N, C-alpha and C. Protein backbone atom coordinates (compact mmCIF):
# COMPACT_ATOMS: atom_id res chain seq x y z
N UNK A 1 1.08 -1.32 0.00
CA UNK A 1 0.07 0.34 0.14
C UNK A 1 0.74 0.94 -0.17
N UNK A 2 1.98 0.97 0.58
CA UNK A 2 2.92 2.25 0.76
C UNK A 2 3.26 2.41 -0.50
N UNK A 3 3.38 2.31 -2.22
CA UNK A 3 3.59 1.91 -3.27
C UNK A 3 2.37 2.68 -3.81
N UNK A 4 1.16 3.18 -3.58
CA UNK A 4 0.16 4.00 -3.37
C UNK A 4 0.00 5.26 -3.00
N UNK A 5 0.27 5.48 -1.43
CA UNK A 5 0.74 6.68 -1.46
C UNK A 5 1.70 7.39 -1.67
N UNK A 6 3.01 6.67 -2.22
CA UNK A 6 3.42 7.80 -2.91
C UNK A 6 3.83 8.12 -3.84
N UNK A 7 2.66 7.56 -5.40
CA UNK A 7 1.82 7.60 -6.43
C UNK A 7 1.67 8.55 -6.25
N UNK A 8 0.64 8.53 -5.13
CA UNK A 8 -1.09 9.94 -4.76
C UNK A 8 0.04 11.04 -4.60
N UNK A 9 1.30 11.24 -4.39
CA UNK A 9 1.70 12.46 -3.66
C UNK A 9 2.08 13.08 -4.73
N UNK A 10 2.13 12.30 -5.73
CA UNK A 10 2.80 12.86 -7.18
C UNK A 10 1.58 14.28 -7.45
N UNK A 11 0.14 14.01 -7.22
CA UNK A 11 -1.05 14.29 -7.31
C UNK A 11 -1.08 15.91 -6.33
N UNK A 12 -0.74 15.45 -5.10
CA UNK A 12 -0.57 16.69 -4.23
C UNK A 12 -0.10 17.75 -4.57
N UNK A 13 -1.36 18.85 -4.13
CA UNK A 13 -1.02 20.46 -4.07
C UNK A 13 0.67 20.56 -3.66
N UNK A 14 1.03 20.17 -2.50
CA UNK A 14 2.05 20.21 -2.24
C UNK A 14 3.28 20.16 -3.68
N UNK A 15 3.00 19.47 -4.39
CA UNK A 15 3.85 18.89 -5.38
C UNK A 15 3.85 20.14 -6.43
N UNK A 16 2.11 19.52 -7.13
CA UNK A 16 2.01 19.70 -8.43
C UNK A 16 2.05 21.60 -8.16
N UNK A 17 1.58 22.32 -7.72
CA UNK A 17 1.61 23.35 -6.94
C UNK A 17 2.63 24.65 -7.64
N UNK A 18 4.05 23.55 -6.78
CA UNK A 18 4.92 24.25 -7.14
C UNK A 18 5.64 23.91 -8.75
N UNK A 19 5.29 22.72 -8.89
CA UNK A 19 5.35 22.35 -10.62
C UNK A 19 4.42 23.33 -11.45
N UNK A 20 3.58 23.53 -11.26
CA UNK A 20 2.73 24.75 -11.87
C UNK A 20 3.81 25.80 -11.80
N UNK A 21 3.68 26.23 -11.11
CA UNK A 21 5.32 27.71 -10.88
C UNK A 21 6.37 27.70 -11.65
N UNK A 22 7.26 25.98 -11.25
CA UNK A 22 8.28 25.81 -12.46
C UNK A 22 7.91 26.19 -13.82
N UNK A 23 6.81 25.55 -14.30
CA UNK A 23 6.23 25.45 -15.67
C UNK A 23 6.44 27.18 -16.35
N UNK A 24 5.34 27.80 -15.06
CA UNK A 24 5.29 29.68 -15.60
C UNK A 24 6.65 30.03 -15.37
N UNK A 25 7.78 29.88 -14.56
CA UNK A 25 8.69 30.44 -14.48
C UNK A 25 9.07 29.33 -15.98
N UNK A 26 9.82 28.62 -16.25
CA UNK A 26 10.01 28.13 -17.54
C UNK A 26 9.44 29.23 -18.71
N UNK A 27 8.11 29.74 -18.85
CA UNK A 27 7.99 30.16 -19.76
C UNK A 27 8.17 30.78 -20.41
N UNK A 28 8.41 31.59 -18.57
CA UNK A 28 8.66 33.15 -18.32
C UNK A 28 10.59 33.11 -19.31
N UNK A 29 11.35 32.34 -18.82
CA UNK A 29 12.34 32.67 -19.11
C UNK A 29 12.95 32.27 -20.62
N UNK A 30 12.15 31.59 -21.33
CA UNK A 30 12.03 31.55 -22.67
C UNK A 30 11.36 33.10 -23.65
N UNK A 31 10.74 34.00 -22.83
CA UNK A 31 10.26 35.16 -23.23
C UNK A 31 8.31 34.92 -23.53
N UNK A 32 8.01 33.05 -23.44
CA UNK A 32 6.48 33.44 -23.42
C UNK A 32 5.85 33.63 -22.45
N UNK A 33 5.84 34.74 -22.39
CA UNK A 33 4.86 35.90 -20.95
C UNK A 33 3.51 35.29 -21.54
N UNK A 34 2.68 35.42 -23.41
CA UNK A 34 1.66 35.51 -22.87
C UNK A 34 1.07 34.26 -22.87
N UNK A 35 1.92 33.19 -23.16
CA UNK A 35 1.73 31.81 -22.58
C UNK A 35 1.96 31.42 -21.09
N UNK A 36 3.03 32.37 -20.30
CA UNK A 36 3.07 32.38 -18.93
C UNK A 36 1.47 32.31 -18.04
N UNK A 37 1.05 33.63 -18.63
CA UNK A 37 0.01 34.07 -17.69
C UNK A 37 -1.16 32.85 -18.76
N UNK A 38 -1.32 32.53 -18.98
CA UNK A 38 -2.48 32.02 -19.89
C UNK A 38 -1.84 30.72 -18.93
N UNK A 39 -1.28 29.96 -18.41
CA UNK A 39 -0.57 28.78 -17.81
C UNK A 39 -1.18 29.07 -16.57
N UNK A 40 -0.95 30.27 -16.22
CA UNK A 40 -1.28 30.14 -14.07
C UNK A 40 -3.03 30.66 -14.49
N UNK A 41 -3.06 31.64 -15.27
CA UNK A 41 -5.24 31.64 -15.18
C UNK A 41 -5.77 29.92 -15.91
N UNK A 42 -5.35 29.48 -16.19
CA UNK A 42 -5.68 27.99 -16.80
C UNK A 42 -5.49 27.41 -15.55
N UNK A 43 -4.48 26.72 -15.47
CA UNK A 43 -4.29 26.18 -13.95
C UNK A 43 -4.72 26.68 -13.04
N UNK A 44 -5.03 27.65 -12.67
CA UNK A 44 -5.76 28.42 -11.56
C UNK A 44 -7.33 28.13 -11.33
N UNK A 45 -7.70 28.50 -12.42
CA UNK A 45 -9.26 28.25 -12.86
C UNK A 45 -9.54 26.65 -12.36
N UNK A 46 -8.49 25.87 -13.35
CA UNK A 46 -9.50 24.66 -13.12
C UNK A 46 -9.14 24.15 -11.05
N UNK A 47 -8.17 24.95 -10.68
CA UNK A 47 -8.22 24.39 -8.95
C UNK A 47 -9.18 24.94 -8.21
N UNK A 48 -9.78 26.36 -9.30
CA UNK A 48 -10.66 27.29 -8.42
C UNK A 48 -11.76 26.34 -8.38
N UNK A 49 -12.34 25.48 -9.51
CA UNK A 49 -13.13 24.52 -9.77
C UNK A 49 -13.11 23.65 -8.75
N UNK A 50 -12.39 22.37 -8.00
CA UNK A 50 -12.15 21.54 -7.57
C UNK A 50 -12.31 22.58 -6.07
N UNK A 51 -11.66 23.67 -6.18
CA UNK A 51 -12.14 24.13 -4.67
C UNK A 51 -13.59 24.70 -4.44
N UNK A 52 -14.52 24.87 -5.76
CA UNK A 52 -15.88 24.81 -5.20
C UNK A 52 -16.77 23.96 -5.02
N UNK A 53 -16.14 23.10 -6.06
CA UNK A 53 -17.28 21.71 -5.62
C UNK A 53 -16.85 21.18 -4.30
N UNK A 54 -15.73 21.34 -3.79
CA UNK A 54 -15.38 20.65 -2.59
C UNK A 54 -16.20 21.51 -1.08
N UNK A 55 -16.38 23.06 -1.43
CA UNK A 55 -16.88 23.72 -0.34
C UNK A 55 -18.81 23.95 -0.64
N UNK A 56 -19.37 22.93 -1.58
CA UNK A 56 -20.52 23.18 -1.85
C UNK A 56 -20.97 22.09 -1.10
N UNK A 57 -20.57 21.26 -1.73
CA UNK A 57 -20.86 20.03 -0.75
C UNK A 57 -20.23 19.90 0.73
N UNK A 58 -19.10 20.47 1.44
CA UNK A 58 -19.04 20.19 2.83
C UNK A 58 -19.81 21.51 3.45
N UNK A 59 -19.87 22.63 3.12
CA UNK A 59 -20.73 23.69 3.57
C UNK A 59 -22.32 23.53 3.21
N UNK A 60 -23.19 22.86 1.99
CA UNK A 60 -24.04 22.98 2.13
C UNK A 60 -24.89 21.16 1.61
N UNK A 61 -23.95 20.28 1.50
CA UNK A 61 -24.59 19.24 1.40
C UNK A 61 -24.93 18.87 -0.58
N UNK A 62 -24.34 20.21 -1.57
CA UNK A 62 -24.50 20.39 -2.70
C UNK A 62 -23.82 19.44 -3.45
N UNK A 63 -24.42 18.84 -4.58
CA UNK A 63 -23.48 18.11 -5.27
C UNK A 63 -24.39 17.62 -6.82
N UNK A 64 -23.64 16.84 -7.80
CA UNK A 64 -24.56 17.09 -8.92
C UNK A 64 -25.26 16.20 -8.51
N UNK A 65 -26.45 15.78 -8.90
CA UNK A 65 -27.52 14.51 -8.85
C UNK A 65 -27.02 13.08 -10.18
N UNK A 66 -26.44 13.71 -10.88
CA UNK A 66 -26.33 12.21 -11.30
C UNK A 66 -24.82 11.70 -11.14
N UNK A 67 -24.34 12.32 -10.34
CA UNK A 67 -22.75 11.78 -10.59
C UNK A 67 -23.40 11.20 -8.82
N UNK A 68 -22.68 9.42 -8.68
CA UNK A 68 -23.25 8.54 -7.56
C UNK A 68 -21.33 8.75 -6.22
N UNK A 69 -21.92 8.62 -5.13
CA UNK A 69 -21.09 9.01 -4.02
C UNK A 69 -20.04 10.61 -4.52
N UNK A 70 -20.52 11.75 -4.80
CA UNK A 70 -19.86 12.58 -4.95
C UNK A 70 -19.80 13.68 -4.02
N UNK A 71 -18.86 14.24 -3.58
CA UNK A 71 -18.27 15.01 -2.59
C UNK A 71 -17.45 16.40 -3.24
N UNK A 72 -16.92 15.79 -4.23
CA UNK A 72 -16.27 17.30 -4.72
C UNK A 72 -15.53 16.34 -6.10
N UNK A 73 -15.10 17.16 -7.12
CA UNK A 73 -13.69 16.76 -7.54
C UNK A 73 -12.71 16.92 -7.24
N UNK A 74 -11.79 15.21 -7.23
CA UNK A 74 -10.25 14.94 -7.37
C UNK A 74 -9.19 16.04 -7.35
N UNK A 75 -8.66 16.79 -6.30
CA UNK A 75 -8.11 17.90 -6.70
C UNK A 75 -6.45 17.26 -7.31
N UNK A 76 -6.12 15.81 -6.60
CA UNK A 76 -4.32 15.76 -7.18
C UNK A 76 -5.19 14.84 -8.25
N UNK A 77 -6.34 14.16 -8.90
CA UNK A 77 -6.26 14.02 -10.28
C UNK A 77 -6.87 15.09 -11.40
N UNK A 78 -7.23 15.99 -11.02
CA UNK A 78 -7.12 17.51 -11.62
C UNK A 78 -6.26 17.78 -11.80
N UNK A 79 -5.31 18.61 -10.78
CA UNK A 79 -4.13 18.73 -11.01
C UNK A 79 -3.04 18.35 -11.43
N UNK A 80 -2.62 17.06 -10.63
CA UNK A 80 -1.44 15.90 -11.85
C UNK A 80 -1.70 15.87 -13.39
N UNK A 81 -3.18 15.76 -13.54
CA UNK A 81 -3.17 15.59 -15.28
C UNK A 81 -3.28 16.89 -15.68
N UNK A 82 -3.84 18.03 -14.99
CA UNK A 82 -3.62 19.29 -16.43
C UNK A 82 -1.64 19.48 -16.00
N UNK A 83 -0.98 19.38 -15.06
CA UNK A 83 0.62 19.36 -14.85
C UNK A 83 1.42 18.76 -15.39
N UNK A 84 1.02 17.17 -15.80
CA UNK A 84 2.02 16.46 -16.64
C UNK A 84 1.69 16.13 -17.50
N UNK A 85 0.20 16.32 -18.36
CA UNK A 85 0.46 17.01 -19.48
C UNK A 85 0.59 17.83 -20.45
N UNK A 86 0.63 18.93 -19.37
CA UNK A 86 0.84 20.15 -20.22
C UNK A 86 2.62 20.01 -20.59
N UNK A 87 3.03 19.42 -19.48
CA UNK A 87 4.88 19.31 -19.30
C UNK A 87 5.41 18.78 -20.44
N UNK A 88 4.33 17.54 -20.51
CA UNK A 88 4.71 16.20 -21.74
C UNK A 88 4.74 17.35 -23.16
N UNK A 89 3.62 18.71 -23.18
CA UNK A 89 3.77 19.08 -24.71
C UNK A 89 4.56 20.13 -25.11
N UNK A 90 4.84 20.53 -23.70
CA UNK A 90 6.27 21.79 -23.48
C UNK A 90 7.52 21.29 -23.81
N UNK A 91 7.71 19.92 -23.42
CA UNK A 91 9.00 19.17 -23.77
C UNK A 91 9.19 19.09 -25.13
N UNK A 92 8.56 18.37 -25.15
CA UNK A 92 8.66 18.00 -27.09
C UNK A 92 8.40 19.12 -28.01
N UNK A 93 7.86 20.40 -27.57
CA UNK A 93 7.92 21.51 -28.58
C UNK A 93 8.97 21.12 -29.56
N UNK A 94 8.62 21.54 -30.70
CA UNK A 94 9.77 21.34 -31.77
C UNK A 94 10.55 20.28 -32.22
N UNK A 95 9.81 19.33 -31.25
CA UNK A 95 10.36 17.73 -31.75
C UNK A 95 9.26 16.78 -33.11
N UNK A 96 9.86 15.87 -32.58
CA UNK A 96 9.55 15.15 -33.94
C UNK A 96 8.17 14.37 -33.49
N UNK A 97 7.28 14.03 -33.83
CA UNK A 97 5.95 13.86 -33.67
C UNK A 97 5.82 13.09 -32.65
N UNK A 98 6.84 11.92 -33.23
CA UNK A 98 6.29 10.51 -32.27
C UNK A 98 6.66 11.14 -30.79
N UNK A 99 8.32 11.54 -31.07
CA UNK A 99 8.48 11.82 -29.53
C UNK A 99 7.24 12.41 -28.59
N UNK A 100 6.73 13.76 -29.06
CA UNK A 100 5.18 13.93 -28.18
C UNK A 100 4.17 13.17 -27.95
N UNK A 101 4.29 12.38 -28.91
CA UNK A 101 3.07 10.45 -28.71
C UNK A 101 3.29 10.00 -27.54
N UNK A 102 4.89 9.52 -27.77
CA UNK A 102 5.71 9.40 -26.32
C UNK A 102 5.21 9.69 -25.04
N UNK A 103 5.80 11.16 -25.21
CA UNK A 103 5.58 12.10 -24.12
C UNK A 103 4.28 11.75 -23.65
N UNK A 104 3.97 12.35 -24.38
CA UNK A 104 1.78 12.22 -23.94
C UNK A 104 1.23 11.10 -23.53
N UNK A 105 1.57 9.96 -23.90
CA UNK A 105 1.22 8.67 -23.62
C UNK A 105 2.16 8.29 -21.87
N UNK A 106 3.50 8.73 -21.77
CA UNK A 106 3.81 8.69 -20.19
C UNK A 106 3.37 9.02 -19.91
N UNK A 107 3.06 10.82 -19.82
CA UNK A 107 1.99 11.38 -19.22
C UNK A 107 0.81 11.08 -18.75
N UNK A 108 -0.04 10.38 -19.79
CA UNK A 108 -1.03 9.64 -19.66
C UNK A 108 -1.04 8.80 -18.00
N UNK A 109 -0.15 7.79 -18.49
CA UNK A 109 -0.13 6.57 -17.96
C UNK A 109 0.33 7.01 -16.49
N UNK A 110 0.84 7.99 -16.07
CA UNK A 110 1.36 8.80 -14.55
C UNK A 110 0.21 9.45 -13.95
N UNK A 111 -1.12 9.93 -15.42
CA UNK A 111 -1.99 10.79 -13.97
C UNK A 111 -2.85 9.54 -14.11
N UNK A 112 -3.14 8.56 -14.82
CA UNK A 112 -3.91 7.41 -14.70
C UNK A 112 -3.65 6.60 -13.60
N UNK A 113 -2.28 6.35 -12.80
CA UNK A 113 -1.79 5.64 -11.73
C UNK A 113 -2.49 7.06 -10.38
N UNK A 114 -1.83 8.08 -10.68
CA UNK A 114 -2.28 9.25 -9.71
C UNK A 114 -3.50 8.87 -9.37
N UNK A 115 -4.59 8.71 -10.09
CA UNK A 115 -6.10 8.35 -10.58
C UNK A 115 -6.77 7.48 -9.56
N UNK A 116 -6.11 6.06 -9.60
CA UNK A 116 -5.98 4.98 -9.28
C UNK A 116 -5.57 4.88 -7.66
N UNK A 117 -4.46 5.66 -7.76
CA UNK A 117 -4.02 5.61 -6.17
C UNK A 117 -5.29 6.05 -5.52
N UNK A 118 -5.27 7.20 -5.36
CA UNK A 118 -6.47 7.81 -4.66
C UNK A 118 -7.92 6.82 -4.63
N UNK A 119 -8.03 5.87 -5.16
CA UNK A 119 -9.32 4.91 -4.92
C UNK A 119 -8.43 3.82 -4.66
N UNK A 120 -7.40 3.46 -4.75
CA UNK A 120 -6.54 2.89 -3.82
C UNK A 120 -6.65 2.91 -2.16
N UNK A 121 -6.36 4.18 -2.13
CA UNK A 121 -6.11 4.40 -0.19
C UNK A 121 -7.38 4.90 -0.04
N UNK A 122 -8.34 4.61 -0.55
CA UNK A 122 -9.78 5.25 -0.50
C UNK A 122 -9.78 6.30 0.01
N UNK A 123 -9.68 7.30 -0.44
CA UNK A 123 -10.13 8.75 0.06
C UNK A 123 -11.04 9.54 -1.76
N UNK A 124 -11.03 8.79 -2.43
CA UNK A 124 -12.29 9.17 -3.34
C UNK A 124 -12.45 8.12 -3.74
N UNK A 125 -14.05 8.50 -4.38
CA UNK A 125 -15.40 7.64 -5.44
C UNK A 125 -14.52 7.73 -6.93
N UNK A 126 -14.91 6.62 -7.64
CA UNK A 126 -14.86 6.78 -9.34
C UNK A 126 -15.19 8.36 -9.85
N UNK A 127 -16.32 8.32 -9.42
CA UNK A 127 -17.21 9.69 -10.22
C UNK A 127 -15.99 10.79 -9.75
N UNK A 128 -15.76 10.71 -8.50
CA UNK A 128 -14.62 11.84 -8.44
C UNK A 128 -13.00 11.98 -8.85
N UNK A 129 -12.90 10.51 -9.51
CA UNK A 129 -11.47 11.00 -9.70
C UNK A 129 -11.48 10.93 -11.18
N UNK A 130 -12.83 10.45 -11.92
CA UNK A 130 -12.98 10.86 -13.82
C UNK A 130 -13.25 12.24 -13.83
N UNK A 131 -13.53 13.04 -12.80
CA UNK A 131 -14.39 14.11 -13.21
C UNK A 131 -12.53 15.12 -13.07
N UNK A 132 -12.26 14.75 -12.34
CA UNK A 132 -11.08 15.59 -11.74
C UNK A 132 -9.98 14.95 -13.15
N UNK A 133 -10.07 13.79 -13.50
CA UNK A 133 -9.07 13.73 -14.67
C UNK A 133 -9.67 14.59 -15.43
N UNK A 134 -10.96 14.13 -16.05
CA UNK A 134 -11.72 15.15 -17.28
C UNK A 134 -11.58 16.41 -16.94
N UNK A 135 -11.22 17.35 -15.81
CA UNK A 135 -10.87 18.87 -15.79
C UNK A 135 -9.43 18.78 -15.80
N UNK A 136 -8.24 18.17 -15.35
CA UNK A 136 -7.48 18.55 -15.87
C UNK A 136 -6.95 18.09 -17.25
N UNK A 137 -7.36 17.07 -17.73
CA UNK A 137 -7.08 17.23 -19.11
C UNK A 137 -7.69 18.23 -19.85
N UNK A 138 -9.00 18.75 -20.07
CA UNK A 138 -9.56 19.79 -20.72
C UNK A 138 -8.56 21.39 -20.51
N UNK A 139 -8.33 21.14 -19.02
CA UNK A 139 -6.76 22.27 -18.70
C UNK A 139 -5.71 22.21 -19.62
N UNK A 140 -5.41 21.13 -19.66
CA UNK A 140 -4.41 20.95 -20.35
C UNK A 140 -4.82 21.14 -22.05
N UNK A 141 -5.54 20.75 -22.46
CA UNK A 141 -5.89 21.14 -23.69
C UNK A 141 -6.07 22.31 -23.87
N UNK A 142 -7.00 23.28 -23.22
CA UNK A 142 -7.15 24.71 -23.03
C UNK A 142 -6.07 25.62 -23.11
N UNK A 143 -4.68 25.16 -22.75
CA UNK A 143 -3.66 25.64 -22.72
C UNK A 143 -3.02 25.12 -24.09
N UNK A 144 -2.95 23.93 -24.34
CA UNK A 144 -2.07 23.73 -25.10
C UNK A 144 -2.59 24.41 -26.84
N UNK A 145 -3.57 24.69 -26.74
CA UNK A 145 -4.31 24.89 -27.87
C UNK A 145 -3.94 26.08 -28.65
N UNK A 146 -3.36 26.89 -26.95
CA UNK A 146 -3.38 28.36 -27.41
C UNK A 146 -1.99 28.66 -27.94
N UNK A 147 -0.80 27.31 -27.85
CA UNK A 147 0.57 27.51 -28.12
C UNK A 147 0.96 28.00 -29.50
N UNK A 148 1.84 28.99 -29.47
CA UNK A 148 2.26 29.37 -30.65
C UNK A 148 2.59 28.08 -32.13
N UNK A 149 3.58 27.02 -30.92
CA UNK A 149 3.41 26.68 -32.30
C UNK A 149 4.89 26.30 -33.58
N UNK A 150 5.85 27.46 -32.64
CA UNK A 150 7.02 27.95 -33.52
C UNK A 150 7.88 27.29 -34.27
N UNK A 151 8.03 26.00 -33.00
CA UNK A 151 8.61 24.47 -34.20
C UNK A 151 9.91 24.82 -33.46
N UNK A 152 9.82 26.03 -32.24
CA UNK A 152 10.62 26.00 -31.24
C UNK A 152 10.92 25.33 -30.36
N UNK A 153 12.38 24.40 -29.32
CA UNK A 153 12.46 24.14 -28.23
C UNK A 153 12.26 25.04 -27.10
N UNK A 154 11.54 24.63 -26.14
CA UNK A 154 11.60 25.55 -25.04
C UNK A 154 12.97 24.87 -24.40
N UNK A 155 14.12 26.54 -23.83
CA UNK A 155 15.45 26.10 -23.11
C UNK A 155 14.94 26.52 -21.81
N UNK A 156 16.31 25.68 -20.94
CA UNK A 156 16.29 25.75 -19.90
C UNK A 156 15.29 24.83 -18.73
N UNK A 157 14.58 23.36 -19.50
CA UNK A 157 14.89 22.51 -19.08
C UNK A 157 15.00 22.26 -17.75
N UNK A 158 16.33 21.64 -17.93
CA UNK A 158 17.29 21.50 -16.26
C UNK A 158 16.65 23.07 -14.89
N UNK A 159 16.58 23.51 -15.65
CA UNK A 159 16.20 24.71 -14.74
C UNK A 159 14.79 24.61 -14.56
N UNK A 160 13.91 24.36 -15.29
CA UNK A 160 12.56 23.94 -14.17
C UNK A 160 12.53 22.85 -13.51
N UNK A 161 13.71 21.99 -13.97
CA UNK A 161 13.63 21.08 -13.18
C UNK A 161 13.71 21.16 -11.53
N UNK A 162 15.20 22.06 -11.47
CA UNK A 162 15.57 22.31 -10.37
C UNK A 162 14.89 23.46 -9.59
N UNK A 163 14.48 24.19 -10.54
CA UNK A 163 13.29 25.59 -9.24
C UNK A 163 12.15 24.64 -8.74
N UNK A 164 11.79 23.35 -9.46
CA UNK A 164 10.52 22.54 -9.33
C UNK A 164 11.20 22.16 -8.01
N UNK A 165 12.24 21.47 -7.61
CA UNK A 165 12.72 20.47 -6.63
C UNK A 165 12.98 21.85 -5.73
N UNK A 166 13.54 22.93 -5.87
CA UNK A 166 13.82 24.01 -4.80
C UNK A 166 12.47 24.75 -4.29
N UNK A 167 11.23 24.25 -5.20
CA UNK A 167 10.49 25.15 -4.26
C UNK A 167 9.70 23.81 -3.13
N UNK A 168 9.55 22.39 -3.86
CA UNK A 168 8.96 21.30 -3.39
C UNK A 168 10.17 21.26 -1.84
N UNK A 169 11.18 21.87 -2.19
CA UNK A 169 11.81 21.21 -0.63
C UNK A 169 11.03 21.94 0.66
N UNK A 170 9.67 23.22 0.46
CA UNK A 170 9.92 23.89 1.37
C UNK A 170 8.75 22.79 2.08
N UNK A 171 8.08 21.79 1.14
CA UNK A 171 6.89 20.88 2.02
C UNK A 171 7.63 19.49 2.37
N UNK A 172 8.91 19.30 2.70
CA UNK A 172 9.67 18.21 3.71
C UNK A 172 9.03 17.14 2.56
N UNK A 173 7.87 17.08 1.78
CA UNK A 173 7.54 15.81 1.30
C UNK A 173 6.67 15.63 1.93
N UNK A 174 5.63 16.26 2.74
CA UNK A 174 4.61 16.22 3.67
C UNK A 174 3.61 16.84 2.58
N UNK A 175 1.98 16.19 2.63
CA UNK A 175 0.71 16.56 1.92
C UNK A 175 0.41 17.87 2.56
N UNK A 176 0.37 18.67 1.71
CA UNK A 176 -0.16 19.76 2.32
C UNK A 176 -2.02 19.67 2.93
N UNK A 177 -1.68 20.28 3.49
CA UNK A 177 -3.25 20.35 4.54
C UNK A 177 -4.70 20.89 3.72
N UNK A 178 -4.55 20.78 2.46
CA UNK A 178 -5.49 21.15 2.27
C UNK A 178 -7.21 20.92 2.22
N UNK A 179 -7.01 19.46 2.86
CA UNK A 179 -8.60 18.98 3.06
C UNK A 179 -8.92 19.52 4.58
N UNK A 180 -8.32 19.73 5.73
CA UNK A 180 -8.70 20.81 6.58
C UNK A 180 -8.54 21.69 6.35
N UNK A 181 -8.26 22.53 5.84
CA UNK A 181 -8.42 24.47 5.71
C UNK A 181 -9.76 24.37 4.81
N UNK A 182 -9.53 23.75 3.51
CA UNK A 182 -11.14 23.68 3.14
C UNK A 182 -12.58 23.58 4.15
N UNK A 183 -12.28 22.05 4.77
CA UNK A 183 -13.14 21.88 5.58
C UNK A 183 -13.46 23.30 6.34
N UNK A 184 -12.60 23.82 7.00
CA UNK A 184 -12.54 24.77 8.15
C UNK A 184 -13.11 26.24 7.16
N UNK A 185 -13.03 26.44 6.12
CA UNK A 185 -13.31 27.84 5.11
C UNK A 185 -15.12 26.92 5.14
N UNK A 186 -15.17 25.54 4.56
CA UNK A 186 -17.09 25.40 4.78
C UNK A 186 -17.73 26.08 5.35
N UNK A 187 -17.07 25.42 6.52
CA UNK A 187 -17.86 25.92 8.05
C UNK A 187 -18.32 26.94 8.20
N UNK A 188 -17.08 28.01 8.44
CA UNK A 188 -16.62 29.16 8.42
C UNK A 188 -18.44 30.06 7.49
N UNK A 189 -18.02 29.74 6.16
CA UNK A 189 -18.97 30.73 5.13
C UNK A 189 -20.72 29.83 5.79
N UNK A 190 -20.19 28.73 5.73
CA UNK A 190 -21.88 28.07 5.80
C UNK A 190 -22.56 28.25 7.28
N UNK A 191 -21.70 28.52 7.80
CA UNK A 191 -22.55 28.82 9.46
C UNK A 191 -22.44 27.52 10.29
N UNK A 192 -21.50 26.87 9.82
CA UNK A 192 -22.39 25.17 10.55
C UNK A 192 -21.67 24.67 11.17
N UNK A 193 -21.67 24.18 12.31
CA UNK A 193 -20.95 23.48 13.90
C UNK A 193 -19.89 22.41 12.67
N UNK A 194 -20.47 22.14 11.74
CA UNK A 194 -19.68 20.39 11.87
C UNK A 194 -19.94 20.79 10.23
N UNK A 195 -18.68 20.25 8.90
CA UNK A 195 -19.10 20.51 7.69
C UNK A 195 -19.66 18.78 7.77
N UNK A 196 -20.32 18.96 5.98
CA UNK A 196 -20.66 17.64 5.79
C UNK A 196 -19.73 16.70 5.22
N UNK A 197 -19.88 15.29 5.33
CA UNK A 197 -18.93 14.55 5.09
C UNK A 197 -19.46 13.65 3.92
N UNK A 198 -18.56 12.49 3.46
CA UNK A 198 -19.22 11.46 3.14
C UNK A 198 -20.14 10.42 3.66
N UNK A 199 -21.47 10.38 3.03
CA UNK A 199 -22.39 9.57 3.48
C UNK A 199 -22.21 8.14 3.14
N UNK A 200 -21.79 7.70 1.47
CA UNK A 200 -21.70 6.63 1.10
C UNK A 200 -20.28 5.67 1.26
N UNK A 201 -19.77 4.46 2.61
CA UNK A 201 -18.92 4.53 2.32
C UNK A 201 -18.17 3.77 1.40
N UNK A 202 -16.93 4.29 1.10
CA UNK A 202 -16.22 4.15 0.10
C UNK A 202 -16.08 2.31 -0.27
């Protein structure tokens, strides 16, 4: 089971948020300022959607009626998908299509593993994971379709990796306390003493 916990950390906001910031820095260092701002906006929007769905359930017990056992979009699945698919595309800018397909396929396997890990450690239902993977894929697609496709490879991949590692050092490898923070925020906004919790066992 420890393997699943290691995999699930790859989707934790303690890992993906520094990674997203490193991608923005990478784009900026290459002079892709418009793409940098688009990335920050799109990634931030996707994460805000995740937060809203969780707050609606925790604070007011509001969830889409067609989604079974849904308490909010899986943030791990969404952020990992958005980040890793985008990185796969950026790493293969200006390279042969076969390398891009290989990179995207590898990223796809990784994000599916992150999604599966959320199910295996029993913190998310299938509906929460699928919506997370879908949201992240849409975010990555939205960003990547706006690339200039200049045929120019992005420089400084090592700098990006170093920046991500540096930002990650501040987490000490510990998961971010986002769930507890959202729970407190939901209680504050809704005026409830207790946040709503999952009623159907996983």
